[in-house]
């Protein structure tokens, strides 16, 4: 069974309801890229009338995590994944729709192949960039995922 954007959205509803309720949705997923979008609404606002940083973080993390999940599923090997570290930079107030994009699927494939070959855990540093509806970068996040083939 191939992982798709709609399957990731169902996973959000069932396993990450905070992300689903705040409006985070996967909009695109293929072997190299994942996009997620969220619109500024009452439910995801902060006291400064912009989108709460954590909602942006959920959307950004989703783009990287969905790629890792998808690649693990493709590999057919029992591989564990864990988010080890993250950081974010905020460049502009979000008062509309923001779309996060990560296009580092190849990086994940290489790390999985190396983990399968060596049996050692691997660290994957991935970046997701958030753009507003005008294509202006509003925030970016870096996530450090660790993967390891289970014995």
N, C-alpha and C. Protein backbone atom coordinates (compact mmCIF):
# COMPACT_ATOMS: atom_id res chain seq x y z
N UNK A 1 0.84 -1.18 0.00
CA UNK A 1 0.00 0.00 0.00
C UNK A 1 0.89 1.25 0.00
N UNK A 2 0.69 2.10 -0.97
CA UNK A 2 1.46 3.33 -1.10
C UNK A 2 0.87 4.41 -0.20
N UNK A 3 1.76 5.19 0.40
CA UNK A 3 1.34 6.31 1.23
C UNK A 3 0.96 7.47 0.31
N UNK A 4 -0.17 8.12 0.58
CA UNK A 4 -0.63 9.25 -0.23
C UNK A 4 -0.97 10.42 0.68
N UNK A 5 -1.19 11.57 0.08
CA UNK A 5 -1.56 12.76 0.84
C UNK A 5 -2.86 12.52 1.61
N UNK A 6 -3.84 11.90 0.98
CA UNK A 6 -5.12 11.66 1.66
C UNK A 6 -4.97 10.67 2.82
N UNK A 7 -4.08 9.69 2.69
CA UNK A 7 -3.85 8.75 3.79
C UNK A 7 -3.15 9.44 4.95
N UNK A 8 -2.24 10.36 4.64
CA UNK A 8 -1.59 11.13 5.70
C UNK A 8 -2.63 12.00 6.43
N UNK A 9 -3.57 12.59 5.68
CA UNK A 9 -4.61 13.40 6.31
C UNK A 9 -5.52 12.58 7.20
N UNK A 10 -5.81 11.35 6.81
CA UNK A 10 -6.59 10.45 7.66
C UNK A 10 -5.81 10.12 8.92
N UNK A 11 -4.51 9.90 8.78
CA UNK A 11 -3.64 9.66 9.93
C UNK A 11 -3.69 10.85 10.89
N UNK A 12 -3.69 12.06 10.34
CA UNK A 12 -3.80 13.26 11.19
C UNK A 12 -5.08 13.23 12.01
N UNK A 13 -6.18 12.95 11.37
CA UNK A 13 -7.47 12.91 12.06
C UNK A 13 -7.47 11.89 13.19
N UNK A 14 -6.91 10.71 12.93
CA UNK A 14 -6.96 9.62 13.90
C UNK A 14 -5.87 9.68 14.97
N UNK A 15 -4.66 10.13 14.59
CA UNK A 15 -3.53 10.05 15.51
C UNK A 15 -2.98 11.40 15.97
N UNK A 16 -3.25 12.46 15.22
CA UNK A 16 -2.77 13.80 15.56
C UNK A 16 -3.92 14.80 15.44
N UNK A 17 -4.95 14.65 16.26
CA UNK A 17 -6.13 15.49 16.09
C UNK A 17 -5.86 16.98 16.27
N UNK A 18 -4.87 17.38 17.05
CA UNK A 18 -4.56 18.81 17.20
C UNK A 18 -4.18 19.42 15.87
N UNK A 19 -3.39 18.70 15.09
CA UNK A 19 -3.00 19.20 13.77
C UNK A 19 -4.23 19.26 12.85
N UNK A 20 -5.05 18.23 12.89
CA UNK A 20 -6.23 18.19 12.03
C UNK A 20 -7.21 19.32 12.37
N UNK A 21 -7.49 19.50 13.66
CA UNK A 21 -8.45 20.52 14.10
C UNK A 21 -7.97 21.93 13.75
N UNK A 22 -6.67 22.16 13.84
CA UNK A 22 -6.15 23.49 13.52
C UNK A 22 -6.06 23.75 12.03
N UNK A 23 -6.34 22.75 11.20
CA UNK A 23 -6.43 22.95 9.76
C UNK A 23 -5.24 22.50 8.94
N UNK A 24 -4.28 21.83 9.56
CA UNK A 24 -3.10 21.34 8.84
C UNK A 24 -3.53 20.22 7.89
N UNK A 25 -3.16 20.32 6.62
CA UNK A 25 -3.49 19.29 5.64
C UNK A 25 -2.31 19.07 4.69
N UNK A 26 -2.08 17.79 4.39
CA UNK A 26 -1.11 17.44 3.36
C UNK A 26 -1.76 17.73 2.02
N UNK A 27 -1.05 18.47 1.17
CA UNK A 27 -1.62 18.82 -0.14
C UNK A 27 -0.94 18.09 -1.28
N UNK A 28 0.29 17.59 -1.04
CA UNK A 28 1.03 16.92 -2.11
C UNK A 28 2.07 16.00 -1.49
N UNK A 29 2.20 14.82 -2.07
CA UNK A 29 3.23 13.88 -1.62
C UNK A 29 3.64 12.99 -2.78
N UNK A 30 4.94 13.01 -3.10
CA UNK A 30 5.50 12.03 -4.02
C UNK A 30 6.81 11.55 -3.42
N UNK A 31 7.63 10.86 -4.19
CA UNK A 31 8.83 10.26 -3.61
C UNK A 31 9.89 11.29 -3.24
N UNK A 32 9.80 12.50 -3.78
CA UNK A 32 10.82 13.52 -3.50
C UNK A 32 10.33 14.71 -2.70
N UNK A 33 9.03 14.99 -2.74
CA UNK A 33 8.53 16.23 -2.16
C UNK A 33 7.23 16.02 -1.40
N UNK A 34 7.07 16.81 -0.34
CA UNK A 34 5.81 16.83 0.39
C UNK A 34 5.46 18.28 0.69
N UNK A 35 4.18 18.61 0.54
CA UNK A 35 3.67 19.94 0.86
C UNK A 35 2.50 19.81 1.82
N UNK A 36 2.43 20.75 2.74
CA UNK A 36 1.30 20.82 3.68
C UNK A 36 0.90 22.28 3.80
N UNK A 37 -0.39 22.50 3.98
CA UNK A 37 -0.92 23.84 4.00
C UNK A 37 -1.81 24.03 5.23
N UNK A 38 -1.86 25.26 5.71
CA UNK A 38 -2.76 25.60 6.81
C UNK A 38 -3.15 27.06 6.65
N UNK A 39 -4.42 27.33 6.89
CA UNK A 39 -4.95 28.69 6.76
C UNK A 39 -5.14 29.30 8.15
N UNK A 40 -4.77 30.56 8.28
CA UNK A 40 -4.99 31.28 9.53
C UNK A 40 -6.49 31.35 9.83
N UNK A 41 -6.84 30.89 11.03
CA UNK A 41 -8.24 30.91 11.48
C UNK A 41 -8.26 31.19 12.97
N UNK A 42 -9.44 31.34 13.51
CA UNK A 42 -9.60 31.60 14.94
C UNK A 42 -8.94 30.50 15.78
N UNK A 43 -9.09 29.25 15.39
CA UNK A 43 -8.62 28.11 16.18
C UNK A 43 -7.09 28.03 16.26
N UNK A 44 -6.38 28.66 15.32
CA UNK A 44 -4.92 28.54 15.33
C UNK A 44 -4.21 29.89 15.50
N UNK A 45 -4.92 30.85 16.05
CA UNK A 45 -4.33 32.17 16.24
C UNK A 45 -3.60 32.29 17.58
N UNK A 46 -2.73 33.27 17.65
CA UNK A 46 -2.07 33.64 18.90
C UNK A 46 -2.64 34.98 19.36
N UNK A 47 -2.24 35.49 20.51
CA UNK A 47 -2.80 36.76 20.99
C UNK A 47 -2.44 37.97 20.11
N UNK A 48 -1.52 37.80 19.16
CA UNK A 48 -1.06 38.91 18.32
C UNK A 48 -1.73 38.91 16.95
N UNK A 49 -2.84 38.18 16.84
CA UNK A 49 -3.64 38.11 15.62
C UNK A 49 -2.86 37.57 14.42
N UNK A 50 -2.05 36.56 14.68
CA UNK A 50 -1.37 35.83 13.61
C UNK A 50 -1.36 34.36 13.98
N UNK A 51 -0.84 33.52 13.08
CA UNK A 51 -0.85 32.08 13.32
C UNK A 51 0.15 31.70 14.41
N UNK A 52 -0.31 30.87 15.34
CA UNK A 52 0.51 30.38 16.43
C UNK A 52 1.70 29.59 15.86
N UNK A 53 2.86 29.81 16.42
CA UNK A 53 4.09 29.19 15.91
C UNK A 53 4.00 27.66 15.89
N UNK A 54 3.34 27.08 16.87
CA UNK A 54 3.27 25.62 16.95
C UNK A 54 2.46 25.02 15.81
N UNK A 55 1.47 25.75 15.32
CA UNK A 55 0.67 25.27 14.18
C UNK A 55 1.55 25.25 12.94
N UNK A 56 2.35 26.29 12.77
CA UNK A 56 3.29 26.31 11.66
C UNK A 56 4.27 25.14 11.79
N UNK A 57 4.73 24.89 13.01
CA UNK A 57 5.65 23.79 13.26
C UNK A 57 5.05 22.43 12.93
N UNK A 58 3.75 22.26 13.26
CA UNK A 58 3.09 20.98 12.94
C UNK A 58 3.04 20.76 11.44
N UNK A 59 2.71 21.80 10.69
CA UNK A 59 2.64 21.68 9.23
C UNK A 59 4.02 21.40 8.64
N UNK A 60 5.02 22.10 9.16
CA UNK A 60 6.39 21.90 8.66
C UNK A 60 6.88 20.49 8.98
N UNK A 61 6.66 20.05 10.23
CA UNK A 61 7.11 18.71 10.62
C UNK A 61 6.42 17.64 9.77
N UNK A 62 5.16 17.86 9.47
CA UNK A 62 4.41 16.91 8.66
C UNK A 62 5.07 16.69 7.30
N UNK A 63 5.58 17.75 6.69
CA UNK A 63 6.21 17.59 5.36
C UNK A 63 7.45 16.71 5.42
N UNK A 64 8.23 16.85 6.48
CA UNK A 64 9.44 16.03 6.60
C UNK A 64 9.09 14.61 7.05
N UNK A 65 8.23 14.51 8.05
CA UNK A 65 7.85 13.20 8.59
C UNK A 65 7.13 12.33 7.59
N UNK A 66 6.28 12.92 6.76
CA UNK A 66 5.56 12.14 5.75
C UNK A 66 6.53 11.54 4.74
N UNK A 67 7.56 12.31 4.38
CA UNK A 67 8.57 11.76 3.46
C UNK A 67 9.31 10.58 4.10
N UNK A 68 9.66 10.71 5.37
CA UNK A 68 10.36 9.62 6.06
C UNK A 68 9.45 8.39 6.14
N UNK A 69 8.20 8.58 6.54
CA UNK A 69 7.24 7.47 6.64
C UNK A 69 7.09 6.79 5.29
N UNK A 70 6.92 7.58 4.24
CA UNK A 70 6.74 7.05 2.89
C UNK A 70 7.94 6.23 2.44
N UNK A 71 9.13 6.74 2.67
CA UNK A 71 10.35 6.04 2.27
C UNK A 71 10.56 4.76 3.07
N UNK A 72 10.24 4.79 4.35
CA UNK A 72 10.34 3.58 5.17
C UNK A 72 9.40 2.51 4.63
N UNK A 73 8.17 2.91 4.33
CA UNK A 73 7.18 1.97 3.79
C UNK A 73 7.67 1.38 2.46
N UNK A 74 8.23 2.23 1.60
CA UNK A 74 8.76 1.76 0.30
C UNK A 74 9.89 0.75 0.48
N UNK A 75 10.71 0.93 1.51
CA UNK A 75 11.89 0.08 1.70
C UNK A 75 11.51 -1.36 2.03
N UNK A 76 10.35 -1.56 2.68
CA UNK A 76 9.94 -2.90 3.07
C UNK A 76 10.68 -3.45 4.28
N UNK A 77 11.52 -2.64 4.90
CA UNK A 77 12.28 -3.06 6.08
C UNK A 77 11.66 -2.46 7.34
N UNK A 78 11.80 -3.17 8.47
CA UNK A 78 11.31 -2.61 9.74
C UNK A 78 12.29 -1.54 10.24
N UNK A 79 11.93 -0.30 10.07
CA UNK A 79 12.81 0.81 10.43
C UNK A 79 12.07 1.73 11.40
N UNK A 80 12.74 2.07 12.49
CA UNK A 80 12.14 3.01 13.44
C UNK A 80 12.60 4.42 13.10
N UNK A 81 11.76 5.38 13.45
CA UNK A 81 12.10 6.78 13.21
C UNK A 81 11.77 7.58 14.46
N UNK A 82 12.56 8.61 14.70
CA UNK A 82 12.34 9.44 15.88
C UNK A 82 12.82 10.85 15.58
N UNK A 83 12.01 11.81 15.95
CA UNK A 83 12.42 13.21 15.81
C UNK A 83 13.35 13.53 16.98
N UNK A 84 14.57 13.93 16.69
CA UNK A 84 15.57 14.18 17.71
C UNK A 84 15.73 15.66 18.04
N UNK A 85 15.55 16.51 17.04
CA UNK A 85 15.81 17.94 17.25
C UNK A 85 15.04 18.75 16.23
N UNK A 86 14.66 19.97 16.61
CA UNK A 86 14.07 20.87 15.63
C UNK A 86 14.35 22.32 16.00
N UNK A 87 14.29 23.17 14.98
CA UNK A 87 14.42 24.61 15.21
C UNK A 87 13.62 25.33 14.14
N UNK A 88 13.21 26.55 14.46
CA UNK A 88 12.42 27.33 13.52
C UNK A 88 12.85 28.78 13.49
N UNK A 89 12.65 29.38 12.34
CA UNK A 89 12.92 30.80 12.15
C UNK A 89 11.67 31.43 11.57
N UNK A 90 11.28 32.55 12.16
CA UNK A 90 10.05 33.22 11.75
C UNK A 90 10.40 34.57 11.14
N UNK A 91 9.99 34.78 9.90
CA UNK A 91 10.40 35.96 9.15
C UNK A 91 9.29 36.97 8.95
N UNK A 92 8.04 36.51 9.00
CA UNK A 92 6.91 37.38 8.72
C UNK A 92 5.67 36.83 9.44
N UNK A 93 4.81 37.73 9.86
CA UNK A 93 3.55 37.37 10.50
C UNK A 93 2.66 36.62 9.50
N UNK A 94 2.04 35.53 9.95
CA UNK A 94 1.16 34.76 9.07
C UNK A 94 -0.29 35.11 9.40
N UNK A 95 -0.98 35.70 8.43
CA UNK A 95 -2.38 36.07 8.62
C UNK A 95 -3.27 35.52 7.49
N UNK A 96 -2.71 34.64 6.69
CA UNK A 96 -3.46 34.01 5.60
C UNK A 96 -3.10 32.54 5.52
N UNK A 97 -3.00 32.02 4.32
CA UNK A 97 -2.62 30.62 4.13
C UNK A 97 -1.10 30.53 4.00
N UNK A 98 -0.53 29.50 4.63
CA UNK A 98 0.89 29.23 4.49
C UNK A 98 1.04 27.79 4.02
N UNK A 99 1.96 27.59 3.08
CA UNK A 99 2.24 26.25 2.55
C UNK A 99 3.70 25.92 2.82
N UNK A 100 3.91 24.78 3.47
CA UNK A 100 5.26 24.31 3.77
C UNK A 100 5.65 23.25 2.76
N UNK A 101 6.90 23.34 2.30
CA UNK A 101 7.42 22.40 1.30
C UNK A 101 8.75 21.82 1.76
N UNK A 102 8.89 20.52 1.58
CA UNK A 102 10.16 19.84 1.78
C UNK A 102 10.39 18.97 0.55
N UNK A 103 11.56 19.14 -0.07
CA UNK A 103 11.87 18.38 -1.29
C UNK A 103 13.13 17.54 -1.12
N UNK A 104 13.27 16.91 0.04
CA UNK A 104 14.48 16.16 0.35
C UNK A 104 14.26 14.65 0.44
N UNK A 105 13.36 14.15 -0.38
CA UNK A 105 13.10 12.71 -0.40
C UNK A 105 14.32 11.89 -0.75
N UNK A 106 15.17 12.39 -1.63
CA UNK A 106 16.38 11.66 -2.02
C UNK A 106 17.33 11.50 -0.84
N UNK A 107 17.42 12.52 -0.01
CA UNK A 107 18.24 12.47 1.19
C UNK A 107 17.78 11.35 2.13
N UNK A 108 16.47 11.21 2.26
CA UNK A 108 15.90 10.15 3.09
C UNK A 108 16.21 8.78 2.50
N UNK A 109 16.07 8.63 1.18
CA UNK A 109 16.37 7.36 0.51
C UNK A 109 17.81 6.93 0.76
N UNK A 110 18.72 7.88 0.64
CA UNK A 110 20.14 7.57 0.85
C UNK A 110 20.41 7.14 2.29
N UNK A 111 19.80 7.80 3.25
CA UNK A 111 20.00 7.45 4.66
C UNK A 111 19.42 6.07 4.97
N UNK A 112 18.27 5.76 4.39
CA UNK A 112 17.66 4.45 4.61
C UNK A 112 18.54 3.36 4.01
N UNK A 113 19.02 3.56 2.79
CA UNK A 113 19.90 2.58 2.15
C UNK A 113 21.15 2.34 3.00
N UNK A 114 21.74 3.41 3.51
CA UNK A 114 22.94 3.29 4.33
C UNK A 114 22.65 2.55 5.64
N UNK A 115 21.50 2.84 6.25
CA UNK A 115 21.12 2.16 7.48
C UNK A 115 20.90 0.67 7.25
N UNK A 116 20.29 0.32 6.12
CA UNK A 116 20.05 -1.09 5.79
C UNK A 116 21.38 -1.80 5.55
N UNK A 117 22.29 -1.15 4.82
CA UNK A 117 23.60 -1.75 4.51
C UNK A 117 24.47 -1.94 5.74
N UNK A 118 24.51 -0.94 6.60
CA UNK A 118 25.44 -0.96 7.74
C UNK A 118 24.81 -1.46 9.04
N UNK A 119 23.48 -1.39 9.13
CA UNK A 119 22.81 -1.75 10.37
C UNK A 119 22.91 -0.66 11.43
N UNK A 120 23.51 0.46 11.07
CA UNK A 120 23.68 1.57 12.01
C UNK A 120 22.59 2.61 11.82
N UNK A 121 22.29 3.31 12.90
CA UNK A 121 21.34 4.40 12.83
C UNK A 121 21.89 5.54 11.99
N UNK A 122 20.99 6.30 11.42
CA UNK A 122 21.37 7.44 10.59
C UNK A 122 20.61 8.68 11.05
N UNK A 123 21.22 9.83 10.85
CA UNK A 123 20.60 11.11 11.17
C UNK A 123 20.31 11.82 9.85
N UNK A 124 19.09 12.32 9.74
CA UNK A 124 18.68 13.03 8.53
C UNK A 124 18.24 14.44 8.94
N UNK A 125 18.92 15.45 8.44
CA UNK A 125 18.53 16.83 8.72
C UNK A 125 17.73 17.34 7.53
N UNK A 126 16.49 17.72 7.81
CA UNK A 126 15.57 18.13 6.74
C UNK A 126 15.02 19.53 7.03
N UNK A 127 14.78 20.27 5.96
CA UNK A 127 14.25 21.62 6.09
C UNK A 127 12.91 21.74 5.37
N UNK A 128 11.99 22.47 6.00
CA UNK A 128 10.70 22.76 5.41
C UNK A 128 10.53 24.28 5.39
N UNK A 129 10.19 24.81 4.23
CA UNK A 129 10.08 26.26 4.06
C UNK A 129 8.62 26.63 3.88
N UNK A 130 8.17 27.60 4.68
CA UNK A 130 6.79 28.08 4.62
C UNK A 130 6.66 29.33 3.79
N UNK A 131 5.77 29.27 2.80
CA UNK A 131 5.53 30.41 1.91
C UNK A 131 4.08 30.86 2.04
N UNK A 132 3.86 32.18 2.04
CA UNK A 132 2.49 32.68 2.06
C UNK A 132 1.91 32.63 0.65
N UNK A 133 0.69 33.12 0.49
CA UNK A 133 0.02 33.03 -0.82
C UNK A 133 0.69 33.89 -1.89
N UNK A 134 1.55 34.83 -1.48
CA UNK A 134 2.30 35.64 -2.44
C UNK A 134 3.66 35.02 -2.77
N UNK A 135 3.95 33.85 -2.19
CA UNK A 135 5.23 33.19 -2.44
C UNK A 135 6.37 33.73 -1.60
N UNK A 136 6.05 34.51 -0.58
CA UNK A 136 7.06 35.10 0.29
C UNK A 136 7.30 34.15 1.47
N UNK A 137 8.58 33.89 1.76
CA UNK A 137 8.93 33.00 2.87
C UNK A 137 8.54 33.66 4.19
N UNK A 138 7.73 32.95 4.99
CA UNK A 138 7.29 33.48 6.28
C UNK A 138 7.98 32.78 7.45
N UNK A 139 8.36 31.54 7.25
CA UNK A 139 9.08 30.80 8.29
C UNK A 139 9.75 29.59 7.66
N UNK A 140 10.72 29.06 8.39
CA UNK A 140 11.35 27.81 7.96
C UNK A 140 11.75 27.02 9.19
N UNK A 141 11.71 25.72 9.05
CA UNK A 141 12.00 24.82 10.15
C UNK A 141 13.01 23.78 9.71
N UNK A 142 13.87 23.40 10.62
CA UNK A 142 14.81 22.31 10.40
C UNK A 142 14.51 21.21 11.41
N UNK A 143 14.42 19.99 10.92
CA UNK A 143 14.13 18.83 11.76
C UNK A 143 15.23 17.80 11.60
N UNK A 144 15.66 17.23 12.71
CA UNK A 144 16.66 16.17 12.69
C UNK A 144 15.97 14.86 13.04
N UNK A 145 15.80 14.02 12.05
CA UNK A 145 15.17 12.71 12.22
C UNK A 145 16.27 11.66 12.37
N UNK A 146 16.04 10.69 13.23
CA UNK A 146 16.94 9.56 13.34
C UNK A 146 16.18 8.31 12.88
N UNK A 147 16.87 7.46 12.14
CA UNK A 147 16.28 6.20 11.69
C UNK A 147 17.21 5.07 12.01
N UNK A 148 16.65 3.90 12.21
CA UNK A 148 17.46 2.71 12.48
C UNK A 148 16.67 1.47 12.11
N UNK A 149 17.35 0.55 11.46
CA UNK A 149 16.72 -0.73 11.12
C UNK A 149 16.54 -1.51 12.43
N UNK A 150 15.31 -1.99 12.66
CA UNK A 150 15.03 -2.78 13.85
C UNK A 150 15.52 -4.21 13.65
N UNK A 151 15.97 -4.80 14.72
CA UNK A 151 16.41 -6.21 14.67
C UNK A 151 15.32 -7.14 15.07
